[in-house]
C-alpha atoms as a PDB file:
ATOM      1  CA  MET A   1      91.149  57.469  82.065  1.00  0.00           C
ATOM      2  CA  LYS A   2      91.813  61.514  81.333  1.00  0.00           C
ATOM      3  CA  ILE A   3      94.199  61.737  78.609  1.00  0.00           C
ATOM      4  CA  HIS A   4      96.568  64.669  79.296  1.00  0.00           C
ATOM      5  CA  MET A   5      99.612  65.237  76.722  1.00  0.00           C
ATOM      6  CA  LYS A   6     100.406  68.203  77.825  1.00  0.00           C
ATOM      7  CA  HIS A   7     103.739  67.679  79.991  1.00  0.00           C
ATOM      8  CA  ASP A   8     104.730  69.462  82.523  1.00  0.00           C
ATOM      9  CA  TYR A   9     106.920  68.729  85.183  1.00  0.00           C
ATOM     10  CA  ASN A  10     104.784  70.238  87.802  1.00  0.00           C
ATOM     11  CA  ASP A  11     102.432  66.372  87.154  1.00  0.00           C
ATOM     12  CA  LEU A  12     106.174  65.051  87.457  1.00  0.00           C
ATOM     13  CA  ILE A  13     106.932  66.416  90.488  1.00  0.00           C
ATOM     14  CA  GLN A  14     103.159  66.457  92.024  1.00  0.00           C
ATOM     15  CA  LEU A  15     102.828  62.867  91.207  1.00  0.00           C
ATOM     16  CA  PHE A  16     106.161  61.614  92.168  1.00  0.00           C
ATOM     17  CA  ASN A  17     105.963  63.413  95.607  1.00  0.00           C
ATOM     18  CA  LYS A  18     102.551  61.307  95.938  1.00  0.00           C
ATOM     19  CA  VAL A  19     103.196  58.334  95.514  1.00  0.00           C
ATOM     20  CA  PHE A  20     106.788  58.474  97.650  1.00  0.00           C
ATOM     21  CA  LEU A  21     107.071  61.682  99.674  1.00  0.00           C
ATOM     22  CA  GLU A  22     105.824  59.779 102.845  1.00  0.00           C
ATOM     23  CA  ARG A  23     105.945  56.259 101.656  1.00  0.00           C
ATOM     24  CA  LEU A  24     109.712  56.433 101.236  1.00  0.00           C
ATOM     25  CA  ASN A  25     110.485  60.418 102.571  1.00  0.00           C
ATOM     26  CA  THR A  26     111.650  61.157  99.108  1.00  0.00           C
ATOM     27  CA  GLU A  27     110.875  64.299  97.459  1.00  0.00           C
ATOM     28  CA  LEU A  28     111.060  65.597  93.630  1.00  0.00           C
ATOM     29  CA  LEU A  29     112.287  68.851  92.595  1.00  0.00           C
ATOM     30  CA  LEU A  30     113.554  71.624  90.644  1.00  0.00           C
ATOM     31  CA  GLY A  31     116.637  72.360  90.346  1.00  0.00           C
ATOM     32  CA  GLY A  32     119.589  74.347  88.956  1.00  0.00           C
ATOM     33  CA  ASP A  33     121.868  73.788  86.198  1.00  0.00           C
ATOM     34  CA  GLU A  34     123.011  70.005  87.057  1.00  0.00           C
ATOM     35  CA  PRO A  35     120.880  67.134  88.781  1.00  0.00           C
ATOM     36  CA  ILE A  36     121.426  65.603  91.736  1.00  0.00           C
ATOM     37  CA  TYR A  37     120.141  63.754  94.959  1.00  0.00           C
ATOM     38  CA  LEU A  38     120.748  64.400  97.880  1.00  0.00           C
ATOM     39  CA  PRO A  39     119.715  62.295 101.029  1.00  0.00           C
ATOM     40  CA  ALA A  40     118.194  63.311 103.798  1.00  0.00           C
ATOM     41  CA  SER A  41     120.159  64.859 106.587  1.00  0.00           C
ATOM     42  CA  GLU A  42     120.085  67.960 109.934  1.00  0.00           C
ATOM     43  CA  GLU A  43     119.690  70.209 106.848  1.00  0.00           C
ATOM     44  CA  ARG A  44     116.969  68.099 105.226  1.00  0.00           C
ATOM     45  CA  PRO A  45     114.256  66.425 106.101  1.00  0.00           C
ATOM     46  CA  HIS A  46     113.877  64.262 102.599  1.00  0.00           C
ATOM     47  CA  HIS A  47     115.670  62.357 100.228  1.00  0.00           C
ATOM     48  CA  GLN A  48     116.159  65.006  96.920  1.00  0.00           C
ATOM     49  CA  ILE A  49     115.405  63.889  93.864  1.00  0.00           C
ATOM     50  CA  ILE A  50     116.293  67.174  91.990  1.00  0.00           C
ATOM     51  CA  PHE A  51     116.487  67.514  87.932  1.00  0.00           C
ATOM     52  CA  ALA A  52     118.329  70.107  85.894  1.00  0.00           C
ATOM     53  CA  ARG A  53     116.011  73.412  84.624  1.00  0.00           C
ATOM     54  CA  GLY A  54     112.447  72.337  84.909  1.00  0.00           C
ATOM     55  CA  TYR A  55     113.960  70.239  82.101  1.00  0.00           C
ATOM     56  CA  TYR A  56     110.846  66.895  81.747  1.00  0.00           C
ATOM     57  CA  ALA A  57     113.271  64.975  80.095  1.00  0.00           C
ATOM     58  CA  SER A  58     115.972  64.980  83.012  1.00  0.00           C
ATOM     59  CA  ALA A  59     113.454  64.343  85.918  1.00  0.00           C
ATOM     60  CA  MET A  60     112.928  61.525  83.090  1.00  0.00           C
ATOM     61  CA  HIS A  61     116.424  60.302  84.123  1.00  0.00           C
ATOM     62  CA  GLU A  62     116.703  61.176  87.401  1.00  0.00           C
ATOM     63  CA  LEU A  63     113.761  59.289  88.379  1.00  0.00           C
ATOM     64  CA  GLY A  64     115.068  56.297  86.381  1.00  0.00           C
ATOM     65  CA  HIS A  65     118.143  55.944  88.696  1.00  0.00           C
ATOM     66  CA  TRP A  66     116.439  56.592  91.826  1.00  0.00           C
ATOM     67  CA  CYS A  67     114.204  53.908  90.917  1.00  0.00           C
ATOM     68  CA  ILE A  68     117.210  51.300  90.088  1.00  0.00           C
ATOM     69  CA  ALA A  69     119.175  52.661  93.526  1.00  0.00           C
ATOM     70  CA  GLY A  70     119.394  50.397  96.120  1.00  0.00           C
ATOM     71  CA  GLU A  71     118.194  51.666 100.062  1.00  0.00           C
ATOM     72  CA  ALA A  72     122.107  51.625 100.777  1.00  0.00           C
ATOM     73  CA  ARG A  73     122.457  53.742  97.684  1.00  0.00           C
ATOM     74  CA  ARG A  74     119.697  56.342  98.196  1.00  0.00           C
ATOM     75  CA  LEU A  75     121.428  57.418 101.351  1.00  0.00           C
ATOM     76  CA  LEU A  76     124.617  58.740  99.574  1.00  0.00           C
ATOM     77  CA  GLU A  77     124.805  61.653  97.615  1.00  0.00           C
ATOM     78  CA  ASP A  78     124.119  60.401  93.679  1.00  0.00           C
ATOM     79  CA  TYR A  79     124.050  57.107  95.070  1.00  0.00           C
ATOM     80  CA  GLY A  80     127.569  56.892  95.735  1.00  0.00           C
ATOM     81  CA  TYR A  81     128.074  56.608  91.775  1.00  0.00           C
ATOM     82  CA  TRP A  82     130.444  56.895  89.571  1.00  0.00           C
ATOM     83  CA  TYR A  83     130.140  59.670  86.805  1.00  0.00           C
ATOM     84  CA  GLN A  84     133.276  60.565  84.412  1.00  0.00           C
ATOM     85  CA  PRO A  85     131.826  64.296  82.986  1.00  0.00           C
ATOM     86  CA  ASP A  86     131.304  64.309  79.141  1.00  0.00           C
ATOM     87  CA  GLY A  87     134.268  64.858  77.456  1.00  0.00           C
ATOM     88  CA  ARG A  88     134.909  60.762  77.389  1.00  0.00           C
ATOM     89  CA  SER A  89     137.623  58.785  76.051  1.00  0.00           C
ATOM     90  CA  ALA A  90     136.223  55.739  73.913  1.00  0.00           C
ATOM     91  CA  GLU A  91     137.220  53.303  76.483  1.00  0.00           C
ATOM     92  CA  VAL A  92     135.533  55.132  79.323  1.00  0.00           C
ATOM     93  CA  GLN A  93     131.949  55.958  77.299  1.00  0.00           C
ATOM     94  CA  ALA A  94     131.440  52.237  76.729  1.00  0.00           C
ATOM     95  CA  GLU A  95     132.104  51.533  81.063  1.00  0.00           C
ATOM     96  CA  PHE A  96     129.508  55.051  81.242  1.00  0.00           C
ATOM     97  CA  GLU A  97     127.057  52.673  78.970  1.00  0.00           C
ATOM     98  CA  VAL A  98     126.888  49.877  80.530  1.00  0.00           C
ATOM     99  CA  VAL A  99     125.934  51.477  83.932  1.00  0.00           C
ATOM    100  CA  GLU A 100     123.487  53.393  82.184  1.00  0.00           C
ATOM    101  CA  ILE A 101     121.717  50.760  80.585  1.00  0.00           C
ATOM    102  CA  LYS A 102     119.515  49.767  83.352  1.00  0.00           C
ATOM    103  CA  PRO A 103     118.430  53.689  84.459  1.00  0.00           C
ATOM    104  CA  GLN A 104     117.606  54.195  81.602  1.00  0.00           C
ATOM    105  CA  ALA A 105     115.339  51.455  80.595  1.00  0.00           C
ATOM    106  CA  ILE A 106     113.348  52.729  83.299  1.00  0.00           C
ATOM    107  CA  GLU A 107     114.035  56.264  82.306  1.00  0.00           C
ATOM    108  CA  TRP A 108     111.921  54.792  79.088  1.00  0.00           C
ATOM    109  CA  ILE A 109     109.309  52.393  80.632  1.00  0.00           C
ATOM    110  CA  LEU A 110     108.807  56.233  83.057  1.00  0.00           C
ATOM    111  CA  SER A 111     108.694  58.264  79.256  1.00  0.00           C
ATOM    112  CA  ALA A 112     106.574  55.436  77.654  1.00  0.00           C
ATOM    113  CA  SER A 113     104.206  55.811  80.672  1.00  0.00           C
ATOM    114  CA  CYS A 114     103.865  59.434  79.934  1.00  0.00           C
ATOM    115  CA  GLY A 115     103.334  59.156  76.271  1.00  0.00           C
ATOM    116  CA  PHE A 116     106.540  61.180  76.090  1.00  0.00           C
ATOM    117  CA  LYS A 117     109.161  60.503  73.616  1.00  0.00           C
ATOM    118  CA  TYR A 118     112.260  58.715  75.390  1.00  0.00           C
ATOM    119  CA  GLN A 119     115.857  59.638  74.065  1.00  0.00           C
ATOM    120  CA  VAL A 120     118.994  57.928  74.676  1.00  0.00           C
ATOM    121  CA  SER A 121     121.121  59.786  76.900  1.00  0.00           C
ATOM    122  CA  CYS A 122     124.797  59.213  75.770  1.00  0.00           C
ATOM    123  CA  ASP A 123     126.108  62.272  77.133  1.00  0.00           C
ATOM    124  CA  ASN A 124     129.500  62.940  75.678  1.00  0.00           C
ATOM    125  CA  LEU A 125     128.635  66.077  73.712  1.00  0.00           C
ATOM    126  CA  SER A 126     133.032  66.964  73.334  1.00  0.00           C
ATOM    127  CA  GLY A 127     134.543  63.609  74.026  1.00  0.00           C
ATOM    128  CA  ASN A 128     137.580  62.310  71.270  1.00  0.00           C
ATOM    129  CA  CYS A 129     134.775  59.188  70.311  1.00  0.00           C
ATOM    130  CA  GLU A 130     130.774  59.279  68.626  1.00  0.00           C
ATOM    131  CA  PRO A 131     129.234  57.344  70.422  1.00  0.00           C
ATOM    132  CA  ASP A 132     127.189  54.607  68.941  1.00  0.00           C
ATOM    133  CA  ARG A 133     123.496  55.875  69.757  1.00  0.00           C
ATOM    134  CA  VAL A 134     121.239  53.167  68.071  1.00  0.00           C
ATOM    135  CA  GLY A 135     123.716  50.305  69.648  1.00  0.00           C
ATOM    136  CA  PHE A 136     123.591  52.372  72.604  1.00  0.00           C
ATOM    137  CA  THR A 137     119.541  52.247  72.467  1.00  0.00           C
ATOM    138  CA  LEU A 138     119.087  48.687  71.407  1.00  0.00           C
ATOM    139  CA  LYS A 139     120.699  47.707  74.650  1.00  0.00           C
ATOM    140  CA  VAL A 140     118.861  49.675  76.409  1.00  0.00           C
ATOM    141  CA  ARG A 141     115.823  48.678  74.701  1.00  0.00           C
ATOM    142  CA  GLU A 142     116.905  44.730  75.287  1.00  0.00           C
ATOM    143  CA  GLN A 143     116.775  45.884  79.558  1.00  0.00           C
ATOM    144  CA  VAL A 144     113.573  47.263  78.622  1.00  0.00           C
ATOM    145  CA  ILE A 145     111.778  43.838  77.532  1.00  0.00           C
ATOM    146  CA  HIS A 146     113.660  42.222  79.861  1.00  0.00           C
ATOM    147  CA  TYR A 147     111.810  44.325  82.118  1.00  0.00           C
ATOM    148  CA  LEU A 148     108.115  43.609  80.678  1.00  0.00           C
ATOM    149  CA  THR A 149     108.397  40.166  80.442  1.00  0.00           C
ATOM    150  CA  TYR A 150     110.523  39.453  83.879  1.00  0.00           C
ATOM    151  CA  GLY A 151     108.727  42.308  85.865  1.00  0.00           C
ATOM    152  CA  ILE A 152     109.871  46.294  86.641  1.00  0.00           C
ATOM    153  CA  PRO A 153     111.547  47.282  90.182  1.00  0.00           C
ATOM    154  CA  GLU A 154     108.764  47.398  92.191  1.00  0.00           C
ATOM    155  CA  ARG A 155     109.286  51.190  92.409  1.00  0.00           C
ATOM    156  CA  ALA A 156     109.628  51.737  88.843  1.00  0.00           C
ATOM    157  CA  GLN A 157     106.276  49.711  88.395  1.00  0.00           C
ATOM    158  CA  MET A 158     104.503  51.866  90.998  1.00  0.00           C
ATOM    159  CA  LEU A 159     105.337  55.607  89.204  1.00  0.00           C
ATOM    160  CA  SER A 160     105.037  53.483  85.910  1.00  0.00           C
ATOM    161  CA  ASP A 161     101.653  53.284  87.272  1.00  0.00           C
ATOM    162  CA  ALA A 162     100.758  56.873  88.219  1.00  0.00           C
ATOM    163  CA  PHE A 163     101.861  58.464  85.074  1.00  0.00           C
ATOM    164  CA  ARG A 164      99.703  55.375  83.202  1.00  0.00           C
ATOM    165  CA  ASP A 165      96.767  56.435  84.839  1.00  0.00           C
ATOM    166  CA  PHE A 166      97.444  60.643  85.072  1.00  0.00           C
ATOM    167  CA  TYR A 167      98.196  60.433  81.381  1.00  0.00           C
ATOM    168  CA  GLY A 168      95.828  57.888  80.767  1.00  0.00           C
ATOM    169  CA  ILE A 169      98.159  54.933  78.429  1.00  0.00           C
ATOM    170  CA  GLU A 170      97.197  51.074  78.168  1.00  0.00           C
ATOM    171  CA  PRO A 171      99.540  49.043  79.801  1.00  0.00           C
ATOM    172  CA  LEU A 172     102.775  48.776  78.051  1.00  0.00           C
ATOM    173  CA  THR A 173     103.592  45.832  75.333  1.00  0.00           C
ATOM    174  CA  GLU A 174     107.424  45.509  73.404  1.00  0.00           C
ATOM    175  CA  ALA A 175     105.982  47.590  70.774  1.00  0.00           C
ATOM    176  CA  ASP A 176     105.907  50.819  72.640  1.00  0.00           C
ATOM    177  CA  PHE A 177     109.710  50.560  72.478  1.00  0.00           C
ATOM    178  CA  PRO A 178     109.958  50.418  69.116  1.00  0.00           C
ATOM    179  CA  LYS A 179     113.849  49.688  67.395  1.00  0.00           C
ATOM    180  CA  PRO A 180     115.858  52.340  66.618  1.00  0.00           C
ATOM    181  CA  ILE A 181     116.314  52.210  62.778  1.00  0.00           C
ATOM    182  CA  PRO A 182     119.881  53.008  61.949  1.00  0.00           C
ATOM    183  CA  LEU A 183     120.642  56.064  59.471  1.00  0.00           C
ATOM    184  CA  THR A 184     122.677  53.843  56.725  1.00  0.00           C
ATOM    185  CA  ASP A 185     119.076  52.067  56.599  1.00  0.00           C
ATOM    186  CA  TYR A 186     117.275  55.730  54.723  1.00  0.00           C
ATOM    187  CA  ALA A 187     119.640  55.660  51.611  1.00  0.00           C
END
């Protein structure tokens, strides 16, 4: 296998579209400031996963959401998901994190499939609470291990396989998903 460790979003676009454009009429596209998923319509012949500003991590995150969205959800703009913007309270942040565990677990698997460093997205920079990044990472990791043990969703597995082949990454194991070290352990 050849190893490509340059992480260029154009490679993600090409690989995703090769696997899914014809098969599921879905394309990955570079977007502007905000990511969005748009279902096919009279104006759009293909479903579109649009990631923000050419950020590799944004593409990974949006792919995580797409990989777990069911068929009916993929017919709705942004999958019909609830989204509370930045500035969430502790209670709303906790709700946000619950619905983000599975897509972020897929994001981590896809990132590892590319040799790309994953970092959880708590996405609450101006909220009135400090998110527990370590705790959230542990929850996402637990879901990753569940997927590795019991099976990765089909579309995520197909994408992981395509990414691993392109980047020369061996099959993923639990060791590829290290536990985060709390800052207090550095003292």
